[in-house]
């Protein structure tokens, strides 16, 4: 069913066709897992939470409003469950070694880069990971949604129930903090 739109798949799923909902899961599972993982920094927990997201979405499918994008709706569910999880865990310390900007299944070394360039890239990712870790949790979420999951400002505003200007401001502030953190790393 890959040729169907999200809205068409929802309509078909609401009629009882489970393959339609499975197609939606396949479309969004990697992005949802990636988003949750980058927020909680625990792959096993991220996969469990992603499963909860899809279960909740399945049982709430009748509440989906087709005037809005399905991706916004599913990310809102993921955001709420992730925030609830973090509140329960009250995690303040994150393990930097668990943070990765590469999909674990796609962690294939780039053979086209020289060893020096590859090392430079790895060092940059390490600095970027540390800077991302240093961001306050709410700002980190906005950067992940925008720059890693590539959601639009409008989608993020819908997910977070915030005016678009507030979303843009938070993303700008987060990027400024990241820029300063990365500059500090490069200072002589």
C-alpha atoms as a PDB file:
ATOM      1  CA  UNK A   1       0.000   0.000   0.000  1.00  0.00           C
ATOM      2  CA  UNK A   2       2.929   2.415  -0.406  1.00  0.00           C
ATOM      3  CA  UNK A   3       1.131   4.397  -3.115  1.00  0.00           C
ATOM      4  CA  UNK A   4      -1.661   5.414  -0.709  1.00  0.00           C
ATOM      5  CA  UNK A   5      -1.567   8.668   1.231  1.00  0.00           C
ATOM      6  CA  UNK A   6      -1.564   8.655   5.010  1.00  0.00           C
ATOM      7  CA  UNK A   7      -5.179   9.808   5.076  1.00  0.00           C
ATOM      8  CA  UNK A   8      -6.244   7.030   2.710  1.00  0.00           C
ATOM      9  CA  UNK A   9      -4.418   4.464   4.843  1.00  0.00           C
ATOM     10  CA  UNK A  10      -6.158   5.785   7.971  1.00  0.00           C
ATOM     11  CA  UNK A  11      -9.551   5.507   6.281  1.00  0.00           C
ATOM     12  CA  UNK A  12      -8.793   1.936   5.184  1.00  0.00           C
ATOM     13  CA  UNK A  13      -7.475   1.033   8.655  1.00  0.00           C
ATOM     14  CA  UNK A  14     -10.627   2.412  10.267  1.00  0.00           C
ATOM     15  CA  UNK A  15     -12.603  -0.036   8.126  1.00  0.00           C
ATOM     16  CA  UNK A  16     -10.691  -2.869   9.776  1.00  0.00           C
ATOM     17  CA  UNK A  17      -7.880  -3.460   7.279  1.00  0.00           C
ATOM     18  CA  UNK A  18      -4.846  -4.073   9.492  1.00  0.00           C
ATOM     19  CA  UNK A  19      -2.419  -3.989   6.548  1.00  0.00           C
ATOM     20  CA  UNK A  20      -3.206  -0.291   6.133  1.00  0.00           C
ATOM     21  CA  UNK A  21      -2.112   0.484   9.680  1.00  0.00           C
ATOM     22  CA  UNK A  22       0.966  -1.709   9.233  1.00  0.00           C
ATOM     23  CA  UNK A  23       1.861   0.422   6.204  1.00  0.00           C
ATOM     24  CA  UNK A  24       1.634   3.535   8.397  1.00  0.00           C
ATOM     25  CA  UNK A  25       3.875   1.893  10.980  1.00  0.00           C
ATOM     26  CA  UNK A  26       6.456   1.080   8.311  1.00  0.00           C
ATOM     27  CA  UNK A  27       6.377   4.697   7.107  1.00  0.00           C
ATOM     28  CA  UNK A  28       6.893   6.247  10.519  1.00  0.00           C
ATOM     29  CA  UNK A  29       8.654   3.712  12.743  1.00  0.00           C
ATOM     30  CA  UNK A  30      12.229   4.775  11.964  1.00  0.00           C
ATOM     31  CA  UNK A  31      11.493   8.470  12.473  1.00  0.00           C
ATOM     32  CA  UNK A  32       9.564   7.868  15.694  1.00  0.00           C
ATOM     33  CA  UNK A  33      12.243   5.562  17.120  1.00  0.00           C
ATOM     34  CA  UNK A  34      14.945   8.052  16.121  1.00  0.00           C
ATOM     35  CA  UNK A  35      13.076  10.947  17.749  1.00  0.00           C
ATOM     36  CA  UNK A  36      12.431   9.066  21.003  1.00  0.00           C
ATOM     37  CA  UNK A  37      15.979   7.674  21.127  1.00  0.00           C
ATOM     38  CA  UNK A  38      17.519  11.110  20.775  1.00  0.00           C
ATOM     39  CA  UNK A  39      15.346  12.346  23.632  1.00  0.00           C
ATOM     40  CA  UNK A  40      15.913   9.497  26.110  1.00  0.00           C
ATOM     41  CA  UNK A  41      19.253   8.090  24.854  1.00  0.00           C
ATOM     42  CA  UNK A  42      18.301   4.464  25.454  1.00  0.00           C
ATOM     43  CA  UNK A  43      17.603   2.376  22.335  1.00  0.00           C
ATOM     44  CA  UNK A  44      15.744  -0.433  24.111  1.00  0.00           C
ATOM     45  CA  UNK A  45      13.464   2.018  25.902  1.00  0.00           C
ATOM     46  CA  UNK A  46      13.013   4.009  22.685  1.00  0.00           C
ATOM     47  CA  UNK A  47      11.844   0.913  20.862  1.00  0.00           C
ATOM     48  CA  UNK A  48       9.435   0.082  23.700  1.00  0.00           C
ATOM     49  CA  UNK A  49       8.081   3.623  23.723  1.00  0.00           C
ATOM     50  CA  UNK A  50       7.729   3.611  19.931  1.00  0.00           C
ATOM     51  CA  UNK A  51       5.679   0.444  20.238  1.00  0.00           C
ATOM     52  CA  UNK A  52       3.486   2.231  22.794  1.00  0.00           C
ATOM     53  CA  UNK A  53       3.115   5.146  20.373  1.00  0.00           C
ATOM     54  CA  UNK A  54       1.779   2.880  17.634  1.00  0.00           C
ATOM     55  CA  UNK A  55      -0.495   0.971  20.009  1.00  0.00           C
ATOM     56  CA  UNK A  56      -1.926   4.244  21.298  1.00  0.00           C
ATOM     57  CA  UNK A  57      -2.288   5.531  17.736  1.00  0.00           C
ATOM     58  CA  UNK A  58      -4.064   2.357  16.655  1.00  0.00           C
ATOM     59  CA  UNK A  59      -6.600   2.509  19.458  1.00  0.00           C
ATOM     60  CA  UNK A  60      -7.059   6.268  18.998  1.00  0.00           C
ATOM     61  CA  UNK A  61      -7.236   6.198  15.218  1.00  0.00           C
ATOM     62  CA  UNK A  62     -10.901   7.200  15.244  1.00  0.00           C
ATOM     63  CA  UNK A  63      -9.904  10.497  16.932  1.00  0.00           C
ATOM     64  CA  UNK A  64      -7.486  11.425  14.135  1.00  0.00           C
ATOM     65  CA  UNK A  65      -8.647  14.577  12.348  1.00  0.00           C
ATOM     66  CA  UNK A  66      -7.848  14.276   8.623  1.00  0.00           C
ATOM     67  CA  UNK A  67      -7.641  18.084   8.336  1.00  0.00           C
ATOM     68  CA  UNK A  68      -4.199  17.732   9.902  1.00  0.00           C
ATOM     69  CA  UNK A  69      -1.216  15.753   8.778  1.00  0.00           C
ATOM     70  CA  UNK A  70      -0.927  12.215  10.139  1.00  0.00           C
ATOM     71  CA  UNK A  71       2.780  12.755  10.796  1.00  0.00           C
ATOM     72  CA  UNK A  72       1.977  15.665  13.109  1.00  0.00           C
ATOM     73  CA  UNK A  73      -0.584  13.559  14.954  1.00  0.00           C
ATOM     74  CA  UNK A  74       1.747  10.576  15.428  1.00  0.00           C
ATOM     75  CA  UNK A  75       4.676  12.778  16.502  1.00  0.00           C
ATOM     76  CA  UNK A  76       2.415  14.510  19.021  1.00  0.00           C
ATOM     77  CA  UNK A  77       1.621  11.120  20.545  1.00  0.00           C
ATOM     78  CA  UNK A  78       5.347  10.299  20.569  1.00  0.00           C
ATOM     79  CA  UNK A  79       6.197  13.655  22.138  1.00  0.00           C
ATOM     80  CA  UNK A  80       3.616  13.248  24.905  1.00  0.00           C
ATOM     81  CA  UNK A  81       4.678   9.694  25.737  1.00  0.00           C
ATOM     82  CA  UNK A  82       8.351  10.673  25.707  1.00  0.00           C
ATOM     83  CA  UNK A  83       7.771  13.634  28.009  1.00  0.00           C
ATOM     84  CA  UNK A  84       5.763  11.416  30.360  1.00  0.00           C
ATOM     85  CA  UNK A  85       8.577   8.870  30.333  1.00  0.00           C
ATOM     86  CA  UNK A  86      11.207  11.511  31.096  1.00  0.00           C
ATOM     87  CA  UNK A  87       9.104  12.953  33.904  1.00  0.00           C
ATOM     88  CA  UNK A  88       8.780   9.521  35.456  1.00  0.00           C
ATOM     89  CA  UNK A  89      12.467   8.758  35.096  1.00  0.00           C
ATOM     90  CA  UNK A  90      13.604  12.273  36.027  1.00  0.00           C
ATOM     91  CA  UNK A  91      16.813  11.588  34.183  1.00  0.00           C
ATOM     92  CA  UNK A  92      19.328  14.348  34.533  1.00  0.00           C
ATOM     93  CA  UNK A  93      22.490  12.563  33.516  1.00  0.00           C
ATOM     94  CA  UNK A  94      22.777  11.167  30.028  1.00  0.00           C
ATOM     95  CA  UNK A  95      25.371   8.713  28.772  1.00  0.00           C
ATOM     96  CA  UNK A  96      27.163  10.437  25.878  1.00  0.00           C
ATOM     97  CA  UNK A  97      28.392   7.094  24.517  1.00  0.00           C
ATOM     98  CA  UNK A  98      24.784   6.067  23.832  1.00  0.00           C
ATOM     99  CA  UNK A  99      24.125   9.168  21.706  1.00  0.00           C
ATOM    100  CA  UNK A 100      24.726   8.631  18.018  1.00  0.00           C
ATOM    101  CA  UNK A 101      23.873  10.593  14.921  1.00  0.00           C
ATOM    102  CA  UNK A 102      23.830   7.472  12.810  1.00  0.00           C
ATOM    103  CA  UNK A 103      21.104   4.901  12.474  1.00  0.00           C
ATOM    104  CA  UNK A 104      22.525   1.810  14.137  1.00  0.00           C
ATOM    105  CA  UNK A 105      21.390  -0.396  11.246  1.00  0.00           C
ATOM    106  CA  UNK A 106      23.124   1.917   8.787  1.00  0.00           C
ATOM    107  CA  UNK A 107      26.400   2.312  10.714  1.00  0.00           C
ATOM    108  CA  UNK A 108      28.616   1.558   7.709  1.00  0.00           C
ATOM    109  CA  UNK A 109      31.983   3.312   7.475  1.00  0.00           C
ATOM    110  CA  UNK A 110      32.282   5.699   4.547  1.00  0.00           C
ATOM    111  CA  UNK A 111      35.024   4.174   2.405  1.00  0.00           C
ATOM    112  CA  UNK A 112      35.278   7.263   0.206  1.00  0.00           C
ATOM    113  CA  UNK A 113      36.819   9.399   2.956  1.00  0.00           C
ATOM    114  CA  UNK A 114      40.481   9.388   3.802  1.00  0.00           C
ATOM    115  CA  UNK A 115      41.333   8.274   7.341  1.00  0.00           C
ATOM    116  CA  UNK A 116      42.162  11.867   8.308  1.00  0.00           C
ATOM    117  CA  UNK A 117      38.859  13.216   6.980  1.00  0.00           C
ATOM    118  CA  UNK A 118      37.015  10.335   8.611  1.00  0.00           C
ATOM    119  CA  UNK A 119      38.702  11.134  11.945  1.00  0.00           C
ATOM    120  CA  UNK A 120      37.830  14.831  11.566  1.00  0.00           C
ATOM    121  CA  UNK A 121      34.219  13.907  10.889  1.00  0.00           C
ATOM    122  CA  UNK A 122      34.090  11.582  13.885  1.00  0.00           C
ATOM    123  CA  UNK A 123      35.593  14.280  16.106  1.00  0.00           C
ATOM    124  CA  UNK A 124      33.005  16.776  14.826  1.00  0.00           C
ATOM    125  CA  UNK A 125      30.163  14.349  15.563  1.00  0.00           C
ATOM    126  CA  UNK A 126      31.560  13.784  19.044  1.00  0.00           C
ATOM    127  CA  UNK A 127      31.639  17.557  19.696  1.00  0.00           C
ATOM    128  CA  UNK A 128      28.144  17.919  18.248  1.00  0.00           C
ATOM    129  CA  UNK A 129      26.864  15.068  20.436  1.00  0.00           C
ATOM    130  CA  UNK A 130      28.356  16.712  23.524  1.00  0.00           C
ATOM    131  CA  UNK A 131      26.846  20.074  22.591  1.00  0.00           C
ATOM    132  CA  UNK A 132      23.444  18.475  21.989  1.00  0.00           C
ATOM    133  CA  UNK A 133      23.698  16.737  25.347  1.00  0.00           C
ATOM    134  CA  UNK A 134      24.431  20.090  27.015  1.00  0.00           C
ATOM    135  CA  UNK A 135      21.232  21.651  25.654  1.00  0.00           C
ATOM    136  CA  UNK A 136      18.359  21.917  28.123  1.00  0.00           C
ATOM    137  CA  UNK A 137      15.891  19.084  27.492  1.00  0.00           C
ATOM    138  CA  UNK A 138      13.049  21.250  26.064  1.00  0.00           C
ATOM    139  CA  UNK A 139      15.371  22.972  23.590  1.00  0.00           C
ATOM    140  CA  UNK A 140      16.973  19.650  22.640  1.00  0.00           C
ATOM    141  CA  UNK A 141      13.543  18.355  21.671  1.00  0.00           C
ATOM    142  CA  UNK A 142      12.973  21.254  19.274  1.00  0.00           C
ATOM    143  CA  UNK A 143      16.359  20.731  17.593  1.00  0.00           C
ATOM    144  CA  UNK A 144      15.696  17.006  17.235  1.00  0.00           C
ATOM    145  CA  UNK A 145      12.254  17.577  15.718  1.00  0.00           C
ATOM    146  CA  UNK A 146      13.487  20.254  13.297  1.00  0.00           C
ATOM    147  CA  UNK A 147      17.063  19.409  12.380  1.00  0.00           C
ATOM    148  CA  UNK A 148      17.200  15.657  12.824  1.00  0.00           C
ATOM    149  CA  UNK A 149      13.633  14.557  12.063  1.00  0.00           C
ATOM    150  CA  UNK A 150      13.230  17.428   9.568  1.00  0.00           C
ATOM    151  CA  UNK A 151       9.710  18.409  10.615  1.00  0.00           C
ATOM    152  CA  UNK A 152       8.425  21.794   9.496  1.00  0.00           C
ATOM    153  CA  UNK A 153       7.928  24.680  11.909  1.00  0.00           C
ATOM    154  CA  UNK A 154       4.170  24.289  11.445  1.00  0.00           C
ATOM    155  CA  UNK A 155       4.281  20.590  12.304  1.00  0.00           C
ATOM    156  CA  UNK A 156       6.329  21.272  15.427  1.00  0.00           C
ATOM    157  CA  UNK A 157       3.913  24.052  16.436  1.00  0.00           C
ATOM    158  CA  UNK A 158       1.010  21.606  16.111  1.00  0.00           C
ATOM    159  CA  UNK A 159       2.837  18.853  18.004  1.00  0.00           C
ATOM    160  CA  UNK A 160       3.797  21.151  20.884  1.00  0.00           C
ATOM    161  CA  UNK A 161       0.599  23.275  20.860  1.00  0.00           C
ATOM    162  CA  UNK A 162       2.656  26.451  20.549  1.00  0.00           C
ATOM    163  CA  UNK A 163       2.495  29.464  18.259  1.00  0.00           C
ATOM    164  CA  UNK A 164       4.852  29.174  15.312  1.00  0.00           C
ATOM    165  CA  UNK A 165       6.768  32.243  16.483  1.00  0.00           C
ATOM    166  CA  UNK A 166       7.522  30.531  19.789  1.00  0.00           C
ATOM    167  CA  UNK A 167       8.711  27.420  17.951  1.00  0.00           C
ATOM    168  CA  UNK A 168      11.014  29.475  15.722  1.00  0.00           C
ATOM    169  CA  UNK A 169      12.340  31.331  18.759  1.00  0.00           C
ATOM    170  CA  UNK A 170      13.098  28.114  20.671  1.00  0.00           C
ATOM    171  CA  UNK A 171      14.841  26.578  17.661  1.00  0.00           C
ATOM    172  CA  UNK A 172      16.848  29.762  17.130  1.00  0.00           C
ATOM    173  CA  UNK A 173      17.868  29.826  20.820  1.00  0.00           C
ATOM    174  CA  UNK A 174      18.829  26.147  20.742  1.00  0.00           C
ATOM    175  CA  UNK A 175      20.921  26.606  17.606  1.00  0.00           C
ATOM    176  CA  UNK A 176      22.640  29.646  19.128  1.00  0.00           C
ATOM    177  CA  UNK A 177      23.523  27.646  22.237  1.00  0.00           C
ATOM    178  CA  UNK A 178      24.815  24.809  20.048  1.00  0.00           C
ATOM    179  CA  UNK A 179      26.866  27.243  17.962  1.00  0.00           C
ATOM    180  CA  UNK A 180      28.426  28.784  21.079  1.00  0.00           C
ATOM    181  CA  UNK A 181      29.152  25.377  22.556  1.00  0.00           C
ATOM    182  CA  UNK A 182      30.843  24.287  19.340  1.00  0.00           C
ATOM    183  CA  UNK A 183      32.816  27.543  19.118  1.00  0.00           C
ATOM    184  CA  UNK A 184      34.007  27.076  22.697  1.00  0.00           C
ATOM    185  CA  UNK A 185      35.267  23.645  21.725  1.00  0.00           C
ATOM    186  CA  UNK A 186      37.274  25.185  18.870  1.00  0.00           C
ATOM    187  CA  UNK A 187      38.742  28.038  20.938  1.00  0.00           C
ATOM    188  CA  UNK A 188      42.545  27.910  21.196  1.00  0.00           C
END
